[in-house]
């Protein structure tokens, strides 16, 4: 796989903010950002057995497979050299705790951060 593919909610302000942050801090050309609302995003979701109507987690596809929830997020930030140590430290927190916090934020992201009319990545 040439680039790691990140599928995200292109209408979520939090998700768009994280993508903007990654575009600023991640090494160039390591990620391909795909809004789940896009035709390619829909195809990826269908192919890998995810819902195509709503996205409950960021999904990372890389050479090691598909990664979701807090594991996916930690894998994403671990690919940024300056954030590798933070990802490694957070990985020591048991997954059940990390995913509980992740799922709380995921369920409330639109209520807390709002919905965007425009995606960071055009599709």
N, C-alpha and C. Protein backbone atom coordinates (compact mmCIF):
# COMPACT_ATOMS: atom_id res chain seq x y z
N UNK A 1 0.85 -1.17 0.00
CA UNK A 1 0.00 0.00 0.00
C UNK A 1 0.90 1.24 0.00
N UNK A 2 0.68 2.08 -0.98
CA UNK A 2 1.52 3.27 -1.13
C UNK A 2 1.32 4.27 0.01
N UNK A 3 0.07 4.60 0.32
CA UNK A 3 -0.26 5.51 1.42
C UNK A 3 -1.24 4.82 2.35
N UNK A 4 -1.22 5.19 3.60
CA UNK A 4 -2.26 4.75 4.53
C UNK A 4 -3.51 5.55 4.22
N UNK A 5 -4.65 4.89 4.18
CA UNK A 5 -5.92 5.54 3.84
C UNK A 5 -6.71 5.77 5.13
N UNK A 6 -7.14 7.01 5.32
CA UNK A 6 -7.96 7.37 6.47
C UNK A 6 -9.35 7.71 5.97
N UNK A 7 -10.35 6.95 6.42
CA UNK A 7 -11.74 7.24 6.09
C UNK A 7 -12.32 7.99 7.29
N UNK A 8 -12.92 9.14 7.02
CA UNK A 8 -13.43 10.00 8.09
C UNK A 8 -14.76 10.61 7.66
N UNK A 9 -15.47 11.21 8.62
CA UNK A 9 -16.75 11.86 8.34
C UNK A 9 -16.48 13.28 7.85
N UNK A 10 -16.70 13.51 6.58
CA UNK A 10 -16.42 14.80 5.96
C UNK A 10 -17.36 15.91 6.37
N UNK A 11 -18.44 15.59 7.10
CA UNK A 11 -19.39 16.60 7.54
C UNK A 11 -19.23 16.96 9.01
N UNK A 12 -18.29 16.30 9.69
CA UNK A 12 -18.08 16.52 11.13
C UNK A 12 -16.97 17.54 11.33
N UNK A 13 -17.26 18.59 12.11
CA UNK A 13 -16.25 19.61 12.37
C UNK A 13 -15.04 19.06 13.11
N UNK A 14 -15.26 18.17 14.08
CA UNK A 14 -14.13 17.56 14.79
C UNK A 14 -13.25 16.77 13.82
N UNK A 15 -13.88 15.95 12.99
CA UNK A 15 -13.13 15.12 12.03
C UNK A 15 -12.36 16.00 11.05
N UNK A 16 -13.01 17.04 10.54
CA UNK A 16 -12.33 17.96 9.63
C UNK A 16 -11.18 18.68 10.32
N UNK A 17 -11.36 19.01 11.59
CA UNK A 17 -10.28 19.64 12.34
C UNK A 17 -9.08 18.72 12.51
N UNK A 18 -9.35 17.45 12.80
CA UNK A 18 -8.26 16.48 12.94
C UNK A 18 -7.55 16.30 11.60
N UNK A 19 -8.31 16.22 10.51
CA UNK A 19 -7.68 16.10 9.19
C UNK A 19 -6.82 17.32 8.89
N UNK A 20 -7.32 18.50 9.21
CA UNK A 20 -6.52 19.72 9.02
C UNK A 20 -5.24 19.68 9.82
N UNK A 21 -5.32 19.19 11.07
CA UNK A 21 -4.14 19.05 11.92
C UNK A 21 -3.16 18.05 11.30
N UNK A 22 -3.68 16.93 10.81
CA UNK A 22 -2.80 15.93 10.18
C UNK A 22 -2.14 16.48 8.92
N UNK A 23 -2.88 17.24 8.14
CA UNK A 23 -2.30 17.85 6.94
C UNK A 23 -1.14 18.78 7.31
N UNK A 24 -1.24 19.42 8.47
CA UNK A 24 -0.20 20.35 8.90
C UNK A 24 1.02 19.62 9.49
N UNK A 25 0.79 18.56 10.26
CA UNK A 25 1.88 17.95 11.02
C UNK A 25 2.40 16.61 10.51
N UNK A 26 1.61 15.90 9.73
CA UNK A 26 2.04 14.58 9.24
C UNK A 26 3.04 14.75 8.09
N UNK A 27 4.00 13.85 8.00
CA UNK A 27 4.89 13.89 6.84
C UNK A 27 4.07 13.83 5.55
N UNK A 28 4.53 14.57 4.58
CA UNK A 28 3.82 14.64 3.30
C UNK A 28 3.71 13.26 2.65
N UNK A 29 2.60 13.01 2.05
CA UNK A 29 2.37 11.80 1.25
C UNK A 29 2.34 10.49 2.03
N UNK A 30 2.00 10.51 3.32
CA UNK A 30 1.85 9.23 4.00
C UNK A 30 0.38 8.84 4.16
N UNK A 31 -0.52 9.84 4.09
CA UNK A 31 -1.95 9.57 4.24
C UNK A 31 -2.72 9.97 3.00
N UNK A 32 -3.74 9.20 2.72
CA UNK A 32 -4.76 9.59 1.75
C UNK A 32 -6.03 9.75 2.57
N UNK A 33 -6.64 10.93 2.51
CA UNK A 33 -7.84 11.22 3.30
C UNK A 33 -9.07 11.00 2.42
N UNK A 34 -10.02 10.21 2.92
CA UNK A 34 -11.20 9.85 2.14
C UNK A 34 -12.46 10.09 2.98
N UNK A 35 -13.27 11.09 2.62
CA UNK A 35 -14.54 11.26 3.33
C UNK A 35 -15.43 10.04 3.08
N UNK A 36 -16.10 9.56 4.10
CA UNK A 36 -16.94 8.38 3.91
C UNK A 36 -18.10 8.68 2.97
N UNK A 37 -18.47 9.96 2.82
CA UNK A 37 -19.56 10.33 1.92
C UNK A 37 -19.16 10.26 0.44
N UNK A 38 -17.87 10.20 0.15
CA UNK A 38 -17.41 10.19 -1.23
C UNK A 38 -17.64 8.82 -1.87
N UNK A 39 -17.67 8.74 -3.21
CA UNK A 39 -17.84 7.44 -3.87
C UNK A 39 -16.77 6.43 -3.46
N UNK A 40 -15.51 6.86 -3.35
CA UNK A 40 -14.44 5.95 -2.95
C UNK A 40 -14.62 5.51 -1.50
N UNK A 41 -15.03 6.44 -0.64
CA UNK A 41 -15.29 6.11 0.76
C UNK A 41 -16.41 5.08 0.87
N UNK A 42 -17.48 5.28 0.12
CA UNK A 42 -18.59 4.33 0.12
C UNK A 42 -18.14 2.95 -0.37
N UNK A 43 -17.30 2.93 -1.40
CA UNK A 43 -16.79 1.66 -1.93
C UNK A 43 -15.93 0.94 -0.89
N UNK A 44 -15.05 1.68 -0.22
CA UNK A 44 -14.21 1.08 0.82
C UNK A 44 -15.06 0.50 1.96
N UNK A 45 -16.05 1.26 2.39
CA UNK A 45 -16.92 0.79 3.47
C UNK A 45 -17.66 -0.49 3.07
N UNK A 46 -18.24 -0.49 1.88
CA UNK A 46 -18.96 -1.67 1.38
C UNK A 46 -18.05 -2.88 1.30
N UNK A 47 -16.88 -2.69 0.69
CA UNK A 47 -15.92 -3.77 0.48
C UNK A 47 -15.47 -4.41 1.79
N UNK A 48 -15.34 -3.59 2.83
CA UNK A 48 -14.81 -4.09 4.10
C UNK A 48 -15.88 -4.32 5.17
N UNK A 49 -17.15 -4.29 4.77
CA UNK A 49 -18.23 -4.66 5.66
C UNK A 49 -18.66 -3.62 6.68
N UNK A 50 -18.39 -2.35 6.40
CA UNK A 50 -18.82 -1.27 7.29
C UNK A 50 -20.13 -0.67 6.78
N UNK A 51 -20.88 -0.02 7.67
CA UNK A 51 -22.10 0.68 7.28
C UNK A 51 -21.76 1.81 6.31
N UNK A 52 -22.61 2.01 5.32
CA UNK A 52 -22.40 3.10 4.38
C UNK A 52 -23.31 4.30 4.68
N UNK A 53 -24.14 4.19 5.72
CA UNK A 53 -25.06 5.28 6.03
C UNK A 53 -24.54 6.24 7.09
N UNK A 54 -23.74 5.72 8.03
CA UNK A 54 -23.11 6.61 9.01
C UNK A 54 -21.79 6.00 9.46
N UNK A 55 -20.91 6.87 9.87
CA UNK A 55 -19.58 6.44 10.29
C UNK A 55 -19.43 6.68 11.79
N UNK A 56 -19.17 5.62 12.54
CA UNK A 56 -19.05 5.73 14.00
C UNK A 56 -17.60 5.81 14.46
N UNK A 57 -16.66 5.62 13.54
CA UNK A 57 -15.24 5.62 13.90
C UNK A 57 -14.41 6.02 12.69
N UNK A 58 -13.27 6.61 12.97
CA UNK A 58 -12.30 6.80 11.91
C UNK A 58 -11.79 5.40 11.54
N UNK A 59 -11.48 5.19 10.28
CA UNK A 59 -10.95 3.90 9.85
C UNK A 59 -9.62 4.15 9.15
N UNK A 60 -8.60 3.43 9.58
CA UNK A 60 -7.29 3.50 8.94
C UNK A 60 -7.04 2.18 8.23
N UNK A 61 -6.73 2.26 6.95
CA UNK A 61 -6.30 1.10 6.17
C UNK A 61 -4.81 1.30 5.90
N UNK A 62 -4.00 0.33 6.33
CA UNK A 62 -2.57 0.41 6.06
C UNK A 62 -2.04 -0.99 5.72
N UNK A 63 -0.75 -1.12 5.65
CA UNK A 63 -0.15 -2.41 5.29
C UNK A 63 -0.47 -3.52 6.29
N UNK A 64 -0.88 -3.15 7.50
CA UNK A 64 -1.21 -4.13 8.53
C UNK A 64 -2.70 -4.41 8.65
N UNK A 65 -3.51 -3.88 7.73
CA UNK A 65 -4.95 -4.15 7.74
C UNK A 65 -5.78 -2.92 8.01
N UNK A 66 -6.94 -3.14 8.63
CA UNK A 66 -7.85 -2.04 8.95
C UNK A 66 -7.89 -1.86 10.47
N UNK A 67 -7.96 -0.60 10.87
CA UNK A 67 -7.89 -0.25 12.29
C UNK A 67 -8.97 0.78 12.59
N UNK A 68 -9.68 0.58 13.70
CA UNK A 68 -10.78 1.47 14.05
C UNK A 68 -10.66 1.94 15.50
N UNK A 69 -11.53 2.83 15.87
CA UNK A 69 -11.65 3.35 17.23
C UNK A 69 -10.30 3.88 17.74
N UNK A 70 -10.01 3.68 19.01
CA UNK A 70 -8.79 4.26 19.58
C UNK A 70 -7.54 3.63 18.98
N UNK A 71 -7.60 2.35 18.62
CA UNK A 71 -6.43 1.72 17.97
C UNK A 71 -6.11 2.41 16.64
N UNK A 72 -7.15 2.71 15.87
CA UNK A 72 -6.95 3.40 14.60
C UNK A 72 -6.35 4.78 14.80
N UNK A 73 -6.90 5.52 15.76
CA UNK A 73 -6.39 6.86 16.03
C UNK A 73 -4.93 6.82 16.49
N UNK A 74 -4.61 5.88 17.39
CA UNK A 74 -3.22 5.78 17.86
C UNK A 74 -2.27 5.38 16.74
N UNK A 75 -2.71 4.49 15.85
CA UNK A 75 -1.87 4.12 14.70
C UNK A 75 -1.63 5.33 13.80
N UNK A 76 -2.66 6.15 13.63
CA UNK A 76 -2.52 7.35 12.79
C UNK A 76 -1.46 8.27 13.40
N UNK A 77 -1.62 8.62 14.68
CA UNK A 77 -0.67 9.59 15.25
C UNK A 77 0.72 8.98 15.43
N UNK A 78 0.81 7.66 15.50
CA UNK A 78 2.13 7.04 15.63
C UNK A 78 2.95 7.17 14.34
N UNK A 79 2.29 7.49 13.24
CA UNK A 79 2.99 7.66 11.96
C UNK A 79 3.60 9.06 11.83
N UNK A 80 3.30 9.93 12.80
CA UNK A 80 3.86 11.28 12.82
C UNK A 80 5.04 11.26 13.80
N UNK A 81 6.26 11.45 13.31
CA UNK A 81 7.44 11.29 14.17
C UNK A 81 7.36 12.01 15.51
N UNK A 82 6.91 13.26 15.54
CA UNK A 82 6.87 14.03 16.79
C UNK A 82 5.80 13.52 17.76
N UNK A 83 4.87 12.71 17.28
CA UNK A 83 3.78 12.22 18.11
C UNK A 83 3.89 10.73 18.42
N UNK A 84 4.93 10.08 17.92
CA UNK A 84 5.11 8.64 18.11
C UNK A 84 5.16 8.26 19.59
N UNK A 85 5.88 9.02 20.38
CA UNK A 85 5.99 8.74 21.82
C UNK A 85 4.64 8.88 22.52
N UNK A 86 3.89 9.91 22.16
CA UNK A 86 2.56 10.10 22.75
C UNK A 86 1.67 8.90 22.44
N UNK A 87 1.69 8.45 21.19
CA UNK A 87 0.89 7.27 20.80
C UNK A 87 1.32 6.05 21.60
N UNK A 88 2.62 5.86 21.76
CA UNK A 88 3.12 4.69 22.50
C UNK A 88 2.69 4.75 23.97
N UNK A 89 2.73 5.93 24.56
CA UNK A 89 2.31 6.07 25.96
C UNK A 89 0.81 5.83 26.11
N UNK A 90 0.02 6.38 25.20
CA UNK A 90 -1.43 6.19 25.27
C UNK A 90 -1.82 4.73 25.03
N UNK A 91 -1.01 4.01 24.29
CA UNK A 91 -1.30 2.60 24.02
C UNK A 91 -1.23 1.75 25.29
N UNK A 92 -0.56 2.24 26.33
CA UNK A 92 -0.51 1.51 27.60
C UNK A 92 -1.84 1.55 28.35
N UNK A 93 -2.68 2.51 28.02
CA UNK A 93 -4.02 2.57 28.64
C UNK A 93 -4.82 1.41 28.06
N UNK A 94 -5.47 0.63 28.90
CA UNK A 94 -6.24 -0.51 28.39
C UNK A 94 -7.25 -0.08 27.32
N UNK A 95 -7.37 -0.90 26.27
CA UNK A 95 -8.24 -0.58 25.13
C UNK A 95 -9.68 -0.30 25.59
N UNK A 96 -10.18 -1.03 26.56
CA UNK A 96 -11.57 -0.82 27.00
C UNK A 96 -11.77 0.61 27.52
N UNK A 97 -10.78 1.16 28.18
CA UNK A 97 -10.86 2.54 28.66
C UNK A 97 -10.72 3.51 27.49
N UNK A 98 -9.71 3.28 26.65
CA UNK A 98 -9.52 4.15 25.48
C UNK A 98 -10.76 4.18 24.60
N UNK A 99 -11.33 2.98 24.32
CA UNK A 99 -12.50 2.92 23.44
C UNK A 99 -13.75 3.51 24.07
N UNK A 100 -13.87 3.42 25.39
CA UNK A 100 -15.01 4.04 26.06
C UNK A 100 -14.96 5.55 25.86
N UNK A 101 -13.79 6.14 26.05
CA UNK A 101 -13.63 7.59 25.85
C UNK A 101 -13.82 7.93 24.37
N UNK A 102 -13.22 7.14 23.49
CA UNK A 102 -13.34 7.38 22.04
C UNK A 102 -14.81 7.33 21.63
N UNK A 103 -15.54 6.30 22.08
CA UNK A 103 -16.95 6.14 21.69
C UNK A 103 -17.82 7.26 22.23
N UNK A 104 -17.54 7.75 23.44
CA UNK A 104 -18.27 8.88 23.99
C UNK A 104 -18.08 10.11 23.09
N UNK A 105 -16.85 10.38 22.71
CA UNK A 105 -16.57 11.52 21.83
C UNK A 105 -17.20 11.31 20.46
N UNK A 106 -17.13 10.10 19.94
CA UNK A 106 -17.68 9.80 18.62
C UNK A 106 -19.20 10.01 18.59
N UNK A 107 -19.89 9.53 19.62
CA UNK A 107 -21.35 9.66 19.68
C UNK A 107 -21.79 11.12 19.80
N UNK A 108 -20.98 11.94 20.41
CA UNK A 108 -21.36 13.33 20.70
C UNK A 108 -20.64 14.36 19.84
N UNK A 109 -19.83 13.92 18.89
CA UNK A 109 -18.97 14.84 18.14
C UNK A 109 -19.74 15.93 17.41
N UNK A 110 -20.86 15.59 16.79
CA UNK A 110 -21.63 16.60 16.06
C UNK A 110 -22.32 17.55 17.03
N UNK A 111 -22.83 17.03 18.14
CA UNK A 111 -23.48 17.88 19.15
C UNK A 111 -22.47 18.83 19.77
N UNK A 112 -21.25 18.34 20.07
CA UNK A 112 -20.24 19.15 20.72
C UNK A 112 -19.52 20.10 19.76
N UNK A 113 -19.26 19.66 18.52
CA UNK A 113 -18.42 20.44 17.60
C UNK A 113 -19.16 20.94 16.37
N UNK A 114 -20.36 20.43 16.12
CA UNK A 114 -21.16 20.88 15.00
C UNK A 114 -20.89 20.12 13.71
N UNK A 115 -21.72 20.46 12.74
CA UNK A 115 -21.67 19.81 11.43
C UNK A 115 -21.22 20.85 10.40
N UNK A 116 -20.37 20.43 9.51
CA UNK A 116 -19.81 21.34 8.50
C UNK A 116 -20.57 21.23 7.19
N UNK A 117 -20.66 22.34 6.49
CA UNK A 117 -21.26 22.33 5.16
C UNK A 117 -20.23 21.99 4.09
N UNK A 118 -18.95 22.06 4.45
CA UNK A 118 -17.89 21.79 3.49
C UNK A 118 -16.84 20.88 4.15
N UNK A 119 -16.34 19.95 3.39
CA UNK A 119 -15.33 19.01 3.86
C UNK A 119 -13.94 19.60 3.64
N UNK A 120 -13.00 19.26 4.53
CA UNK A 120 -11.62 19.70 4.38
C UNK A 120 -11.03 19.21 3.06
N UNK A 121 -11.42 18.01 2.68
CA UNK A 121 -10.93 17.37 1.45
C UNK A 121 -12.06 17.39 0.43
N UNK A 122 -11.83 17.94 -0.74
CA UNK A 122 -12.89 17.94 -1.75
C UNK A 122 -12.99 16.56 -2.41
N UNK A 123 -14.22 16.19 -2.71
CA UNK A 123 -14.45 14.89 -3.36
C UNK A 123 -15.49 15.00 -4.42
